[in-house]
Amino acid sequence: MLLHICGILAVSTEPSLAISTKPYWFRILVPNNLAPSQIGQAIFREGNYEYIVLAAKLPVRKFALRQVTGIPDATVVHLPGATVLQIPLPLGQDIITTVGNSSFLAYPVVTHTH
């Protein structure tokens, strides 16, 4: 089942390497006047949070991110020239993104086991 809410298109039933009890992935749609390959991105971790920084103001809603991931503490910060997703993840789990023609695809993966 596809879910499209305010800039996020997601399928939450696809298999994933995620540790979480609810596997998920989500797509961040890019407006027609932008190309994902031209938008800078960075992913980093600080403590229990994974940050996805996209160098464009994108139509991502906090409610949609929380609904898709099932993580009530996930948040979105809109800056004048950037969009930041803050997603709490357990140690040993990180977010991976890939660039598509009109979107970014993001999903959690196991990076190491304890």
PDB file of N, CA and C in Angstrom:
ATOM      1  N   MET A   1       0.834  -1.175   0.000  1.00  0.00           N
ATOM      2  CA  MET A   1       0.000   0.000   0.000  1.00  0.00           C
ATOM      3  C   MET A   1       0.878   1.236   0.000  1.00  0.00           C
ATOM      4  N   LEU A   2       0.608   2.182  -0.871  1.00  0.00           N
ATOM      5  CA  LEU A   2       1.364   3.432  -0.941  1.00  0.00           C
ATOM      6  C   LEU A   2       0.696   4.489  -0.088  1.00  0.00           C
ATOM      7  N   LEU A   3       1.508   5.291   0.542  1.00  0.00           N
ATOM      8  CA  LEU A   3       1.021   6.375   1.390  1.00  0.00           C
ATOM      9  C   LEU A   3       1.708   7.649   0.945  1.00  0.00           C
ATOM     10  N   HIS A   4       0.958   8.653   0.586  1.00  0.00           N
ATOM     11  CA  HIS A   4       1.544   9.918   0.151  1.00  0.00           C
ATOM     12  C   HIS A   4       0.951  11.034   0.994  1.00  0.00           C
ATOM     13  N   ILE A   5       1.766  11.609   1.856  1.00  0.00           N
ATOM     14  CA  ILE A   5       1.295  12.673   2.733  1.00  0.00           C
ATOM     15  C   ILE A   5       2.292  13.815   2.688  1.00  0.00           C
ATOM     16  N   CYS A   6       1.884  14.955   2.204  1.00  0.00           N
ATOM     17  CA  CYS A   6       2.661  16.195   2.277  1.00  0.00           C
ATOM     18  C   CYS A   6       4.124  16.007   1.916  1.00  0.00           C
ATOM     19  N   GLY A   7       4.415  15.452   0.776  1.00  0.00           N
ATOM     20  CA  GLY A   7       5.791  15.361   0.330  1.00  0.00           C
ATOM     21  C   GLY A   7       6.501  14.066   0.679  1.00  0.00           C
ATOM     22  N   ILE A   8       5.884  13.170   1.449  1.00  0.00           N
ATOM     23  CA  ILE A   8       6.512  11.891   1.743  1.00  0.00           C
ATOM     24  C   ILE A   8       5.648  10.790   1.143  1.00  0.00           C
ATOM     25  N   LEU A   9       6.278   9.954   0.345  1.00  0.00           N
ATOM     26  CA  LEU A   9       5.613   8.795  -0.229  1.00  0.00           C
ATOM     27  C   LEU A   9       6.267   7.588   0.417  1.00  0.00           C
ATOM     28  N   ALA A  10       5.481   6.687   0.981  1.00  0.00           N
ATOM     29  CA  ALA A  10       6.104   5.596   1.721  1.00  0.00           C
ATOM     30  C   ALA A  10       5.372   4.283   1.571  1.00  0.00           C
ATOM     31  N   VAL A  11       6.119   3.226   1.729  1.00  0.00           N
ATOM     32  CA  VAL A  11       5.577   1.884   1.850  1.00  0.00           C
ATOM     33  C   VAL A  11       6.190   1.327   3.121  1.00  0.00           C
ATOM     34  N   SER A  12       5.357   1.028   4.095  1.00  0.00           N
ATOM     35  CA  SER A  12       5.894   0.617   5.390  1.00  0.00           C
ATOM     36  C   SER A  12       5.934  -0.897   5.556  1.00  0.00           C
ATOM     37  N   THR A  13       5.600  -1.649   4.522  1.00  0.00           N
ATOM     38  CA  THR A  13       5.572  -3.103   4.667  1.00  0.00           C
ATOM     39  C   THR A  13       6.679  -3.798   3.887  1.00  0.00           C
ATOM     40  N   GLU A  14       7.553  -3.065   3.228  1.00  0.00           N
ATOM     41  CA  GLU A  14       8.646  -3.663   2.486  1.00  0.00           C
ATOM     42  C   GLU A  14       9.682  -4.235   3.448  1.00  0.00           C
ATOM     43  N   PRO A  15      10.371  -5.312   3.075  1.00  0.00           N
ATOM     44  CA  PRO A  15      11.411  -5.846   3.944  1.00  0.00           C
ATOM     45  C   PRO A  15      12.542  -4.840   4.105  1.00  0.00           C
ATOM     46  N   SER A  16      13.165  -4.862   5.259  1.00  0.00           N
ATOM     47  CA  SER A  16      14.228  -3.920   5.554  1.00  0.00           C
ATOM     48  C   SER A  16      15.213  -4.585   6.497  1.00  0.00           C
ATOM     49  N   LEU A  17      16.411  -4.040   6.560  1.00  0.00           N
ATOM     50  CA  LEU A  17      17.407  -4.528   7.495  1.00  0.00           C
ATOM     51  C   LEU A  17      17.287  -3.804   8.824  1.00  0.00           C
ATOM     52  N   ALA A  18      16.222  -3.067   9.026  1.00  0.00           N
ATOM     53  CA  ALA A  18      16.050  -2.261  10.224  1.00  0.00           C
ATOM     54  C   ALA A  18      15.898  -3.119  11.470  1.00  0.00           C
ATOM     55  N   ILE A  19      16.377  -2.576  12.578  1.00  0.00           N
ATOM     56  CA  ILE A  19      16.216  -3.228  13.871  1.00  0.00           C
ATOM     57  C   ILE A  19      14.810  -3.002  14.402  1.00  0.00           C
ATOM     58  N   SER A  20      14.212  -1.889  14.041  1.00  0.00           N
ATOM     59  CA  SER A  20      12.914  -1.517  14.589  1.00  0.00           C
ATOM     60  C   SER A  20      11.875  -2.605  14.336  1.00  0.00           C
ATOM     61  N   THR A  21      10.828  -2.589  15.144  1.00  0.00           N
ATOM     62  CA  THR A  21       9.794  -3.602  15.017  1.00  0.00           C
ATOM     63  C   THR A  21       8.926  -3.364  13.793  1.00  0.00           C
ATOM     64  N   LYS A  22       8.935  -2.167  13.246  1.00  0.00           N
ATOM     65  CA  LYS A  22       8.155  -1.833  12.064  1.00  0.00           C
ATOM     66  C   LYS A  22       9.102  -1.426  10.940  1.00  0.00           C
ATOM     67  N   PRO A  23       9.418  -2.331  10.006  1.00  0.00           N
ATOM     68  CA  PRO A  23      10.289  -1.947   8.891  1.00  0.00           C
ATOM     69  C   PRO A  23       9.638  -0.837   8.074  1.00  0.00           C
ATOM     70  N   TYR A  24      10.436   0.072   7.609  1.00  0.00           N
ATOM     71  CA  TYR A  24       9.882   1.179   6.830  1.00  0.00           C
ATOM     72  C   TYR A  24      10.927   1.713   5.867  1.00  0.00           C
ATOM     73  N   TRP A  25      10.462   2.416   4.890  1.00  0.00           N
ATOM     74  CA  TRP A  25      11.286   3.280   4.064  1.00  0.00           C
ATOM     75  C   TRP A  25      10.420   4.445   3.682  1.00  0.00           C
ATOM     76  N   PHE A  26      11.025   5.540   3.322  1.00  0.00           N
ATOM     77  CA  PHE A  26      10.228   6.681   2.913  1.00  0.00           C
ATOM     78  C   PHE A  26      10.922   7.430   1.787  1.00  0.00           C
ATOM     79  N   ARG A  27      10.097   8.082   0.998  1.00  0.00           N
ATOM     80  CA  ARG A  27      10.563   8.827  -0.157  1.00  0.00           C
ATOM     81  C   ARG A  27      10.282  10.302   0.100  1.00  0.00           C
ATOM     82  N   ILE A  28      11.305  11.125  -0.071  1.00  0.00           N
ATOM     83  CA  ILE A  28      11.144  12.572   0.064  1.00  0.00           C
ATOM     84  C   ILE A  28      11.022  13.136  -1.345  1.00  0.00           C
ATOM     85  N   LEU A  29       9.829  13.571  -1.675  1.00  0.00           N
ATOM     86  CA  LEU A  29       9.572  14.090  -3.017  1.00  0.00           C
ATOM     87  C   LEU A  29      10.150  15.492  -3.173  1.00  0.00           C
ATOM     88  N   VAL A  30      10.698  15.758  -4.340  1.00  0.00           N
ATOM     89  CA  VAL A  30      11.326  17.038  -4.642  1.00  0.00           C
ATOM     90  C   VAL A  30      10.412  17.807  -5.598  1.00  0.00           C
ATOM     91  N   PRO A  31      10.201  19.112  -5.353  1.00  0.00           N
ATOM     92  CA  PRO A  31       9.370  19.899  -6.275  1.00  0.00           C
ATOM     93  C   PRO A  31       9.890  19.826  -7.709  1.00  0.00           C
ATOM     94  N   ASN A  32       8.986  20.028  -8.667  1.00  0.00           N
ATOM     95  CA  ASN A  32       9.332  19.902 -10.096  1.00  0.00           C
ATOM     96  C   ASN A  32      10.456  20.822 -10.546  1.00  0.00           C
ATOM     97  N   ASN A  33      10.640  21.962  -9.873  1.00  0.00           N
ATOM     98  CA  ASN A  33      11.674  22.903 -10.310  1.00  0.00           C
ATOM     99  C   ASN A  33      13.064  22.540  -9.784  1.00  0.00           C
ATOM    100  N   LEU A  34      13.186  21.455  -9.027  1.00  0.00           N
ATOM    101  CA  LEU A  34      14.473  21.009  -8.493  1.00  0.00           C
ATOM    102  C   LEU A  34      14.773  19.585  -8.946  1.00  0.00           C
ATOM    103  N   ALA A  35      16.054  19.261  -9.024  1.00  0.00           N
ATOM    104  CA  ALA A  35      16.479  17.896  -9.333  1.00  0.00           C
ATOM    105  C   ALA A  35      17.221  17.350  -8.112  1.00  0.00           C
ATOM    106  N   PRO A  36      16.852  16.168  -7.622  1.00  0.00           N
ATOM    107  CA  PRO A  36      17.519  15.621  -6.444  1.00  0.00           C
ATOM    108  C   PRO A  36      19.041  15.558  -6.577  1.00  0.00           C
ATOM    109  N   SER A  37      19.529  15.273  -7.778  1.00  0.00           N
ATOM    110  CA  SER A  37      20.982  15.167  -7.981  1.00  0.00           C
ATOM    111  C   SER A  37      21.692  16.507  -7.789  1.00  0.00           C
ATOM    112  N   GLN A  38      20.954  17.605  -7.801  1.00  0.00           N
ATOM    113  CA  GLN A  38      21.542  18.933  -7.616  1.00  0.00           C
ATOM    114  C   GLN A  38      21.368  19.457  -6.190  1.00  0.00           C
ATOM    115  N   ILE A  39      20.769  18.654  -5.311  1.00  0.00           N
ATOM    116  CA  ILE A  39      20.549  19.058  -3.922  1.00  0.00           C
ATOM    117  C   ILE A  39      21.590  18.355  -3.053  1.00  0.00           C
ATOM    118  N   GLY A  40      22.381  19.142  -2.352  1.00  0.00           N
ATOM    119  CA  GLY A  40      23.374  18.555  -1.456  1.00  0.00           C
ATOM    120  C   GLY A  40      22.692  17.830  -0.311  1.00  0.00           C
ATOM    121  N   GLN A  41      23.344  16.785   0.175  1.00  0.00           N
ATOM    122  CA  GLN A  41      22.793  16.048   1.314  1.00  0.00           C
ATOM    123  C   GLN A  41      23.924  15.583   2.211  1.00  0.00           C
ATOM    124  N   ALA A  42      23.607  15.475   3.474  1.00  0.00           N
ATOM    125  CA  ALA A  42      24.553  14.945   4.453  1.00  0.00           C
ATOM    126  C   ALA A  42      23.761  14.126   5.460  1.00  0.00           C
ATOM    127  N   ILE A  43      24.367  13.060   5.929  1.00  0.00           N
ATOM    128  CA  ILE A  43      23.754  12.232   6.966  1.00  0.00           C
ATOM    129  C   ILE A  43      24.805  12.055   8.047  1.00  0.00           C
ATOM    130  N   PHE A  44      24.426  12.329   9.261  1.00  0.00           N
ATOM    131  CA  PHE A  44      25.350  12.106  10.366  1.00  0.00           C
ATOM    132  C   PHE A  44      24.578  11.700  11.605  1.00  0.00           C
ATOM    133  N   ARG A  45      25.328  11.196  12.556  1.00  0.00           N
ATOM    134  CA  ARG A  45      24.734  10.716  13.792  1.00  0.00           C
ATOM    135  C   ARG A  45      25.337  11.488  14.954  1.00  0.00           C
ATOM    136  N   GLU A  46      24.478  11.827  15.911  1.00  0.00           N
ATOM    137  CA  GLU A  46      24.921  12.414  17.167  1.00  0.00           C
ATOM    138  C   GLU A  46      24.121  11.726  18.271  1.00  0.00           C
ATOM    139  N   GLY A  47      24.812  10.934  19.084  1.00  0.00           N
ATOM    140  CA  GLY A  47      24.131  10.188  20.133  1.00  0.00           C
ATOM    141  C   GLY A  47      23.155   9.189  19.545  1.00  0.00           C
ATOM    142  N   ASN A  48      21.913   9.261  19.986  1.00  0.00           N
ATOM    143  CA  ASN A  48      20.879   8.340  19.505  1.00  0.00           C
ATOM    144  C   ASN A  48      20.087   8.896  18.330  1.00  0.00           C
ATOM    145  N   TYR A  49      20.545   9.986  17.733  1.00  0.00           N
ATOM    146  CA  TYR A  49      19.804  10.607  16.635  1.00  0.00           C
ATOM    147  C   TYR A  49      20.593  10.552  15.339  1.00  0.00           C
ATOM    148  N   GLU A  50      19.884  10.241  14.272  1.00  0.00           N
ATOM    149  CA  GLU A  50      20.418  10.295  12.919  1.00  0.00           C
ATOM    150  C   GLU A  50      19.835  11.545  12.271  1.00  0.00           C
ATOM    151  N   TYR A  51      20.674  12.329  11.606  1.00  0.00           N
ATOM    152  CA  TYR A  51      20.238  13.563  10.956  1.00  0.00           C
ATOM    153  C   TYR A  51      20.417  13.425   9.451  1.00  0.00           C
ATOM    154  N   ILE A  52      19.383  13.769   8.711  1.00  0.00           N
ATOM    155  CA  ILE A  52      19.457  13.858   7.257  1.00  0.00           C
ATOM    156  C   ILE A  52      19.289  15.337   6.933  1.00  0.00           C
ATOM    157  N   VAL A  53      20.322  15.928   6.328  1.00  0.00           N
ATOM    158  CA  VAL A  53      20.295  17.347   5.984  1.00  0.00           C
ATOM    159  C   VAL A  53      20.243  17.452   4.473  1.00  0.00           C
ATOM    160  N   LEU A  54      19.216  18.111   3.955  1.00  0.00           N
ATOM    161  CA  LEU A  54      19.050  18.324   2.518  1.00  0.00           C
ATOM    162  C   LEU A  54      19.129  19.819   2.248  1.00  0.00           C
ATOM    163  N   ALA A  55      19.960  20.211   1.314  1.00  0.00           N
ATOM    164  CA  ALA A  55      20.228  21.623   1.042  1.00  0.00           C
ATOM    165  C   ALA A  55      19.157  22.253   0.155  1.00  0.00           C
ATOM    166  N   ALA A  56      17.917  22.151   0.590  1.00  0.00           N
ATOM    167  CA  ALA A  56      16.774  22.766  -0.095  1.00  0.00           C
ATOM    168  C   ALA A  56      15.599  22.742   0.867  1.00  0.00           C
ATOM    169  N   LYS A  57      14.731  23.702   0.761  1.00  0.00           N
ATOM    170  CA  LYS A  57      13.513  23.688   1.569  1.00  0.00           C
ATOM    171  C   LYS A  57      12.515  22.778   0.855  1.00  0.00           C
ATOM    172  N   LEU A  58      12.236  21.634   1.475  1.00  0.00           N
ATOM    173  CA  LEU A  58      11.384  20.619   0.861  1.00  0.00           C
ATOM    174  C   LEU A  58      10.091  20.449   1.659  1.00  0.00           C
ATOM    175  N   PRO A  59       9.009  20.036   0.997  1.00  0.00           N
ATOM    176  CA  PRO A  59       7.695  19.932   1.652  1.00  0.00           C
ATOM    177  C   PRO A  59       7.545  18.655   2.488  1.00  0.00           C
ATOM    178  N   VAL A  60       8.338  18.531   3.534  1.00  0.00           N
ATOM    179  CA  VAL A  60       8.274  17.366   4.412  1.00  0.00           C
ATOM    180  C   VAL A  60       7.570  17.785   5.699  1.00  0.00           C
ATOM    181  N   ARG A  61       6.589  17.024   6.114  1.00  0.00           N
ATOM    182  CA  ARG A  61       5.820  17.321   7.328  1.00  0.00           C
ATOM    183  C   ARG A  61       6.220  16.381   8.454  1.00  0.00           C
ATOM    184  N   LYS A  62       6.338  16.928   9.651  1.00  0.00           N
ATOM    185  CA  LYS A  62       6.696  16.141  10.829  1.00  0.00           C
ATOM    186  C   LYS A  62       5.689  15.019  11.066  1.00  0.00           C
ATOM    187  N   PHE A  63       4.414  15.319  10.937  1.00  0.00           N
ATOM    188  CA  PHE A  63       3.372  14.311  11.153  1.00  0.00           C
ATOM    189  C   PHE A  63       3.565  13.118  10.215  1.00  0.00           C
ATOM    190  N   ALA A  64       3.834  13.401   8.947  1.00  0.00           N
ATOM    191  CA  ALA A  64       4.012  12.329   7.965  1.00  0.00           C
ATOM    192  C   ALA A  64       5.243  11.492   8.278  1.00  0.00           C
ATOM    193  N   LEU A  65       6.348  12.143   8.663  1.00  0.00           N
ATOM    194  CA  LEU A  65       7.560  11.410   9.012  1.00  0.00           C
ATOM    195  C   LEU A  65       7.309  10.497  10.210  1.00  0.00           C
ATOM    196  N   ARG A  66       6.625  11.014  11.212  1.00  0.00           N
ATOM    197  CA  ARG A  66       6.310  10.207  12.396  1.00  0.00           C
ATOM    198  C   ARG A  66       5.388   9.050  12.052  1.00  0.00           C
ATOM    199  N   GLN A  67       4.418   9.291  11.196  1.00  0.00           N
ATOM    200  CA  GLN A  67       3.481   8.242  10.812  1.00  0.00           C
ATOM    201  C   GLN A  67       4.179   7.133  10.034  1.00  0.00           C
ATOM    202  N   VAL A  68       5.032   7.495   9.103  1.00  0.00           N
ATOM    203  CA  VAL A  68       5.709   6.511   8.264  1.00  0.00           C
ATOM    204  C   VAL A  68       6.712   5.687   9.072  1.00  0.00           C
ATOM    205  N   THR A  69       7.494   6.346   9.919  1.00  0.00           N
ATOM    206  CA  THR A  69       8.526   5.630  10.672  1.00  0.00           C
ATOM    207  C   THR A  69       7.979   4.943  11.917  1.00  0.00           C
ATOM    208  N   GLY A  70       6.847   5.410  12.422  1.00  0.00           N
ATOM    209  CA  GLY A  70       6.324   4.891  13.670  1.00  0.00           C
ATOM    210  C   GLY A  70       7.118   5.378  14.869  1.00  0.00           C
ATOM    211  N   ILE A  71       7.900   6.430  14.682  1.00  0.00           N
ATOM    212  CA  ILE A  71       8.754   6.974  15.740  1.00  0.00           C
ATOM    213  C   ILE A  71       8.196   8.328  16.162  1.00  0.00           C
ATOM    214  N   PRO A  72       7.570   8.424  17.340  1.00  0.00           N
ATOM    215  CA  PRO A  72       6.928   9.666  17.759  1.00  0.00           C
ATOM    216  C   PRO A  72       7.885  10.821  18.016  1.00  0.00           C
ATOM    217  N   ASP A  73       9.180  10.546  18.189  1.00  0.00           N
ATOM    218  CA  ASP A  73      10.145  11.617  18.437  1.00  0.00           C
ATOM    219  C   ASP A  73      10.840  12.106  17.170  1.00  0.00           C
ATOM    220  N   ALA A  74      10.529  11.528  16.016  1.00  0.00           N
ATOM    221  CA  ALA A  74      11.114  12.011  14.759  1.00  0.00           C
ATOM    222  C   ALA A  74      10.617  13.423  14.506  1.00  0.00           C
ATOM    223  N   THR A  75      11.485  14.264  13.956  1.00  0.00           N
ATOM    224  CA  THR A  75      11.078  15.646  13.726  1.00  0.00           C
ATOM    225  C   THR A  75      11.689  16.185  12.439  1.00  0.00           C
ATOM    226  N   VAL A  76      11.121  17.276  11.960  1.00  0.00           N
ATOM    227  CA  VAL A  76      11.590  17.952  10.758  1.00  0.00           C
ATOM    228  C   VAL A  76      11.817  19.412  11.106  1.00  0.00           C
ATOM    229  N   VAL A  77      12.960  19.947  10.695  1.00  0.00           N
ATOM    230  CA  VAL A  77      13.261  21.364  10.904  1.00  0.00           C
ATOM    231  C   VAL A  77      13.430  21.998   9.528  1.00  0.00           C
ATOM    232  N   HIS A  78      12.650  23.043   9.264  1.00  0.00           N
ATOM    233  CA  HIS A  78      12.756  23.772   8.003  1.00  0.00           C
ATOM    234  C   HIS A  78      13.571  25.031   8.236  1.00  0.00           C
ATOM    235  N   LEU A  79      14.684  25.140   7.527  1.00  0.00           N
ATOM    236  CA  LEU A  79      15.547  26.316   7.582  1.00  0.00           C
ATOM    237  C   LEU A  79      15.379  27.069   6.266  1.00  0.00           C
ATOM    238  N   PRO A  80      15.857  28.324   6.180  1.00  0.00           N
ATOM    239  CA  PRO A  80      15.673  29.080   4.936  1.00  0.00           C
ATOM    240  C   PRO A  80      16.167  28.349   3.683  1.00  0.00           C
ATOM    241  N   GLY A  81      17.274  27.620   3.762  1.00  0.00           N
ATOM    242  CA  GLY A  81      17.782  26.932   2.583  1.00  0.00           C
ATOM    243  C   GLY A  81      18.033  25.459   2.796  1.00  0.00           C
ATOM    244  N   ALA A  82      17.367  24.867   3.781  1.00  0.00           N
ATOM    245  CA  ALA A  82      17.626  23.452   4.062  1.00  0.00           C
ATOM    246  C   ALA A  82      16.442  22.812   4.781  1.00  0.00           C
ATOM    247  N   THR A  83      16.410  21.487   4.720  1.00  0.00           N
ATOM    248  CA  THR A  83      15.442  20.684   5.458  1.00  0.00           C
ATOM    249  C   THR A  83      16.236  19.657   6.245  1.00  0.00           C
ATOM    250  N   VAL A  84      15.963  19.557   7.543  1.00  0.00           N
ATOM    251  CA  VAL A  84      16.687  18.636   8.411  1.00  0.00           C
ATOM    252  C   VAL A  84      15.696  17.648   9.023  1.00  0.00           C
ATOM    253  N   LEU A  85      15.958  16.361   8.841  1.00  0.00           N
ATOM    254  CA  LEU A  85      15.162  15.315   9.473  1.00  0.00           C
ATOM    255  C   LEU A  85      15.979  14.763  10.624  1.00  0.00           C
ATOM    256  N   GLN A  86      15.394  14.706  11.800  1.00  0.00           N
ATOM    257  CA  GLN A  86      16.038  14.169  12.995  1.00  0.00           C
ATOM    258  C   GLN A  86      15.259  12.925  13.412  1.00  0.00           C
ATOM    259  N   ILE A  87      15.935  11.771  13.336  1.00  0.00           N
ATOM    260  CA  ILE A  87      15.261  10.499  13.584  1.00  0.00           C
ATOM    261  C   ILE A  87      16.031   9.729  14.654  1.00  0.00           C
ATOM    262  N   PRO A  88      15.395   9.445  15.803  1.00  0.00           N
ATOM    263  CA  PRO A  88      16.080   8.636  16.800  1.00  0.00           C
ATOM    264  C   PRO A  88      16.180   7.189  16.331  1.00  0.00           C
ATOM    265  N   LEU A  89      17.383   6.625  16.463  1.00  0.00           N
ATOM    266  CA  LEU A  89      17.625   5.240  16.063  1.00  0.00           C
ATOM    267  C   LEU A  89      18.485   4.555  17.111  1.00  0.00           C
ATOM    268  N   PRO A  90      18.295   3.256  17.306  1.00  0.00           N
ATOM    269  CA  PRO A  90      19.152   2.534  18.236  1.00  0.00           C
ATOM    270  C   PRO A  90      20.579   2.433  17.698  1.00  0.00           C
ATOM    271  N   LEU A  91      21.541   2.252  18.591  1.00  0.00           N
ATOM    272  CA  LEU A  91      22.915   2.031  18.155  1.00  0.00           C
ATOM    273  C   LEU A  91      22.958   0.813  17.253  1.00  0.00           C
ATOM    274  N   GLY A  92      23.788   0.878  16.227  1.00  0.00           N
ATOM    275  CA  GLY A  92      23.883  -0.218  15.274  1.00  0.00           C
ATOM    276  C   GLY A  92      22.923  -0.089  14.106  1.00  0.00           C
ATOM    277  N   GLN A  93      22.186   0.993  14.071  1.00  0.00           N
ATOM    278  CA  GLN A  93      21.247   1.238  12.977  1.00  0.00           C
ATOM    279  C   GLN A  93      21.501   2.645  12.443  1.00  0.00           C
ATOM    280  N   ASP A  94      21.575   2.784  11.131  1.00  0.00           N
ATOM    281  CA  ASP A  94      21.782   4.072  10.477  1.00  0.00           C
ATOM    282  C   ASP A  94      20.789   4.235   9.338  1.00  0.00           C
ATOM    283  N   ILE A  95      20.704   5.455   8.819  1.00  0.00           N
ATOM    284  CA  ILE A  95      19.841   5.740   7.664  1.00  0.00           C
ATOM    285  C   ILE A  95      20.714   5.798   6.413  1.00  0.00           C
ATOM    286  N   ILE A  96      20.246   5.197   5.357  1.00  0.00           N
ATOM    287  CA  ILE A  96      20.891   5.247   4.043  1.00  0.00           C
ATOM    288  C   ILE A  96      19.948   5.980   3.104  1.00  0.00           C
ATOM    289  N   THR A  97      20.480   6.832   2.234  1.00  0.00           N
ATOM    290  CA  THR A  97      19.635   7.472   1.223  1.00  0.00           C
ATOM    291  C   THR A  97      20.178   7.167  -0.170  1.00  0.00           C
ATOM    292  N   THR A  98      19.263   7.135  -1.117  1.00  0.00           N
ATOM    293  CA  THR A  98      19.628   7.044  -2.528  1.00  0.00           C
ATOM    294  C   THR A  98      18.887   8.157  -3.259  1.00  0.00           C
ATOM    295  N   VAL A  99      19.450   8.583  -4.363  1.00  0.00           N
ATOM    296  CA  VAL A  99      18.878   9.676  -5.139  1.00  0.00           C
ATOM    297  C   VAL A  99      18.158   9.107  -6.351  1.00  0.00           C
ATOM    298  N   GLY A 100      16.901   9.489  -6.514  1.00  0.00           N
ATOM    299  CA  GLY A 100      16.118   9.084  -7.677  1.00  0.00           C
ATOM    300  C   GLY A 100      15.939  10.255  -8.634  1.00  0.00           C
ATOM    301  N   ASN A 101      15.070  10.090  -9.612  1.00  0.00           N
ATOM    302  CA  ASN A 101      14.814  11.155 -10.585  1.00  0.00           C
ATOM    303  C   ASN A 101      14.051  12.328  -9.983  1.00  0.00           C
ATOM    304  N   SER A 102      13.131  12.043  -9.066  1.00  0.00           N
ATOM    305  CA  SER A 102      12.308  13.113  -8.506  1.00  0.00           C
ATOM    306  C   SER A 102      12.205  13.033  -6.980  1.00  0.00           C
ATOM    307  N   SER A 103      13.100  12.248  -6.355  1.00  0.00           N
ATOM    308  CA  SER A 103      12.980  12.062  -4.916  1.00  0.00           C
ATOM    309  C   SER A 103      14.267  11.497  -4.319  1.00  0.00           C
ATOM    310  N   PHE A 104      14.295  11.519  -2.992  1.00  0.00           N
ATOM    311  CA  PHE A 104      15.304  10.810  -2.218  1.00  0.00           C
ATOM    312  C   PHE A 104      14.593   9.631  -1.554  1.00  0.00           C
ATOM    313  N   LEU A 105      15.223   8.479  -1.542  1.00  0.00           N
ATOM    314  CA  LEU A 105      14.693   7.315  -0.855  1.00  0.00           C
ATOM    315  C   LEU A 105      15.560   7.102   0.373  1.00  0.00           C
ATOM    316  N   ALA A 106      14.935   6.940   1.531  1.00  0.00           N
ATOM    317  CA  ALA A 106      15.677   6.744   2.781  1.00  0.00           C
ATOM    318  C   ALA A 106      15.151   5.516   3.503  1.00  0.00           C
ATOM    319  N   TYR A 107      16.076   4.772   4.102  1.00  0.00           N
ATOM    320  CA  TYR A 107      15.672   3.589   4.858  1.00  0.00           C
ATOM    321  C   TYR A 107      16.759   3.246   5.873  1.00  0.00           C
ATOM    322  N   PRO A 108      16.355   2.643   7.002  1.00  0.00           N
ATOM    323  CA  PRO A 108      17.334   2.261   8.025  1.00  0.00           C
ATOM    324  C   PRO A 108      17.989   0.922   7.692  1.00  0.00           C
ATOM    325  N   VAL A 109      19.252   0.782   8.066  1.00  0.00           N
ATOM    326  CA  VAL A 109      19.985  -0.464   7.883  1.00  0.00           C
ATOM    327  C   VAL A 109      20.788  -0.766   9.146  1.00  0.00           C
ATOM    328  N   VAL A 110      21.080  -2.039   9.347  1.00  0.00           N
ATOM    329  CA  VAL A 110      21.950  -2.445  10.440  1.00  0.00           C
ATOM    330  C   VAL A 110      23.384  -2.206   9.994  1.00  0.00           C
ATOM    331  N   THR A 111      24.140  -1.463  10.792  1.00  0.00           N
ATOM    332  CA  THR A 111      25.539  -1.193  10.428  1.00  0.00           C
ATOM    333  C   THR A 111      26.507  -2.091  11.176  1.00  0.00           C
ATOM    334  N   HIS A 112      26.133  -2.492  12.386  1.00  0.00           N
ATOM    335  CA  HIS A 112      26.932  -3.444  13.156  1.00  0.00           C
ATOM    336  C   HIS A 112      26.082  -3.988  14.289  1.00  0.00           C
ATOM    337  N   THR A 113      26.467  -5.146  14.773  1.00  0.00           N
ATOM    338  CA  THR A 113      25.720  -5.748  15.868  1.00  0.00           C
ATOM    339  C   THR A 113      26.532  -5.654  17.150  1.00  0.00           C
ATOM    340  N   HIS A 114      25.819  -5.685  18.261  1.00  0.00           N
ATOM    341  CA  HIS A 114      26.486  -5.578  19.568  1.00  0.00           C
ATOM    342  C   HIS A 114      26.533  -6.923  20.230  1.00  0.00           C
TER     343      HIS A 114
END
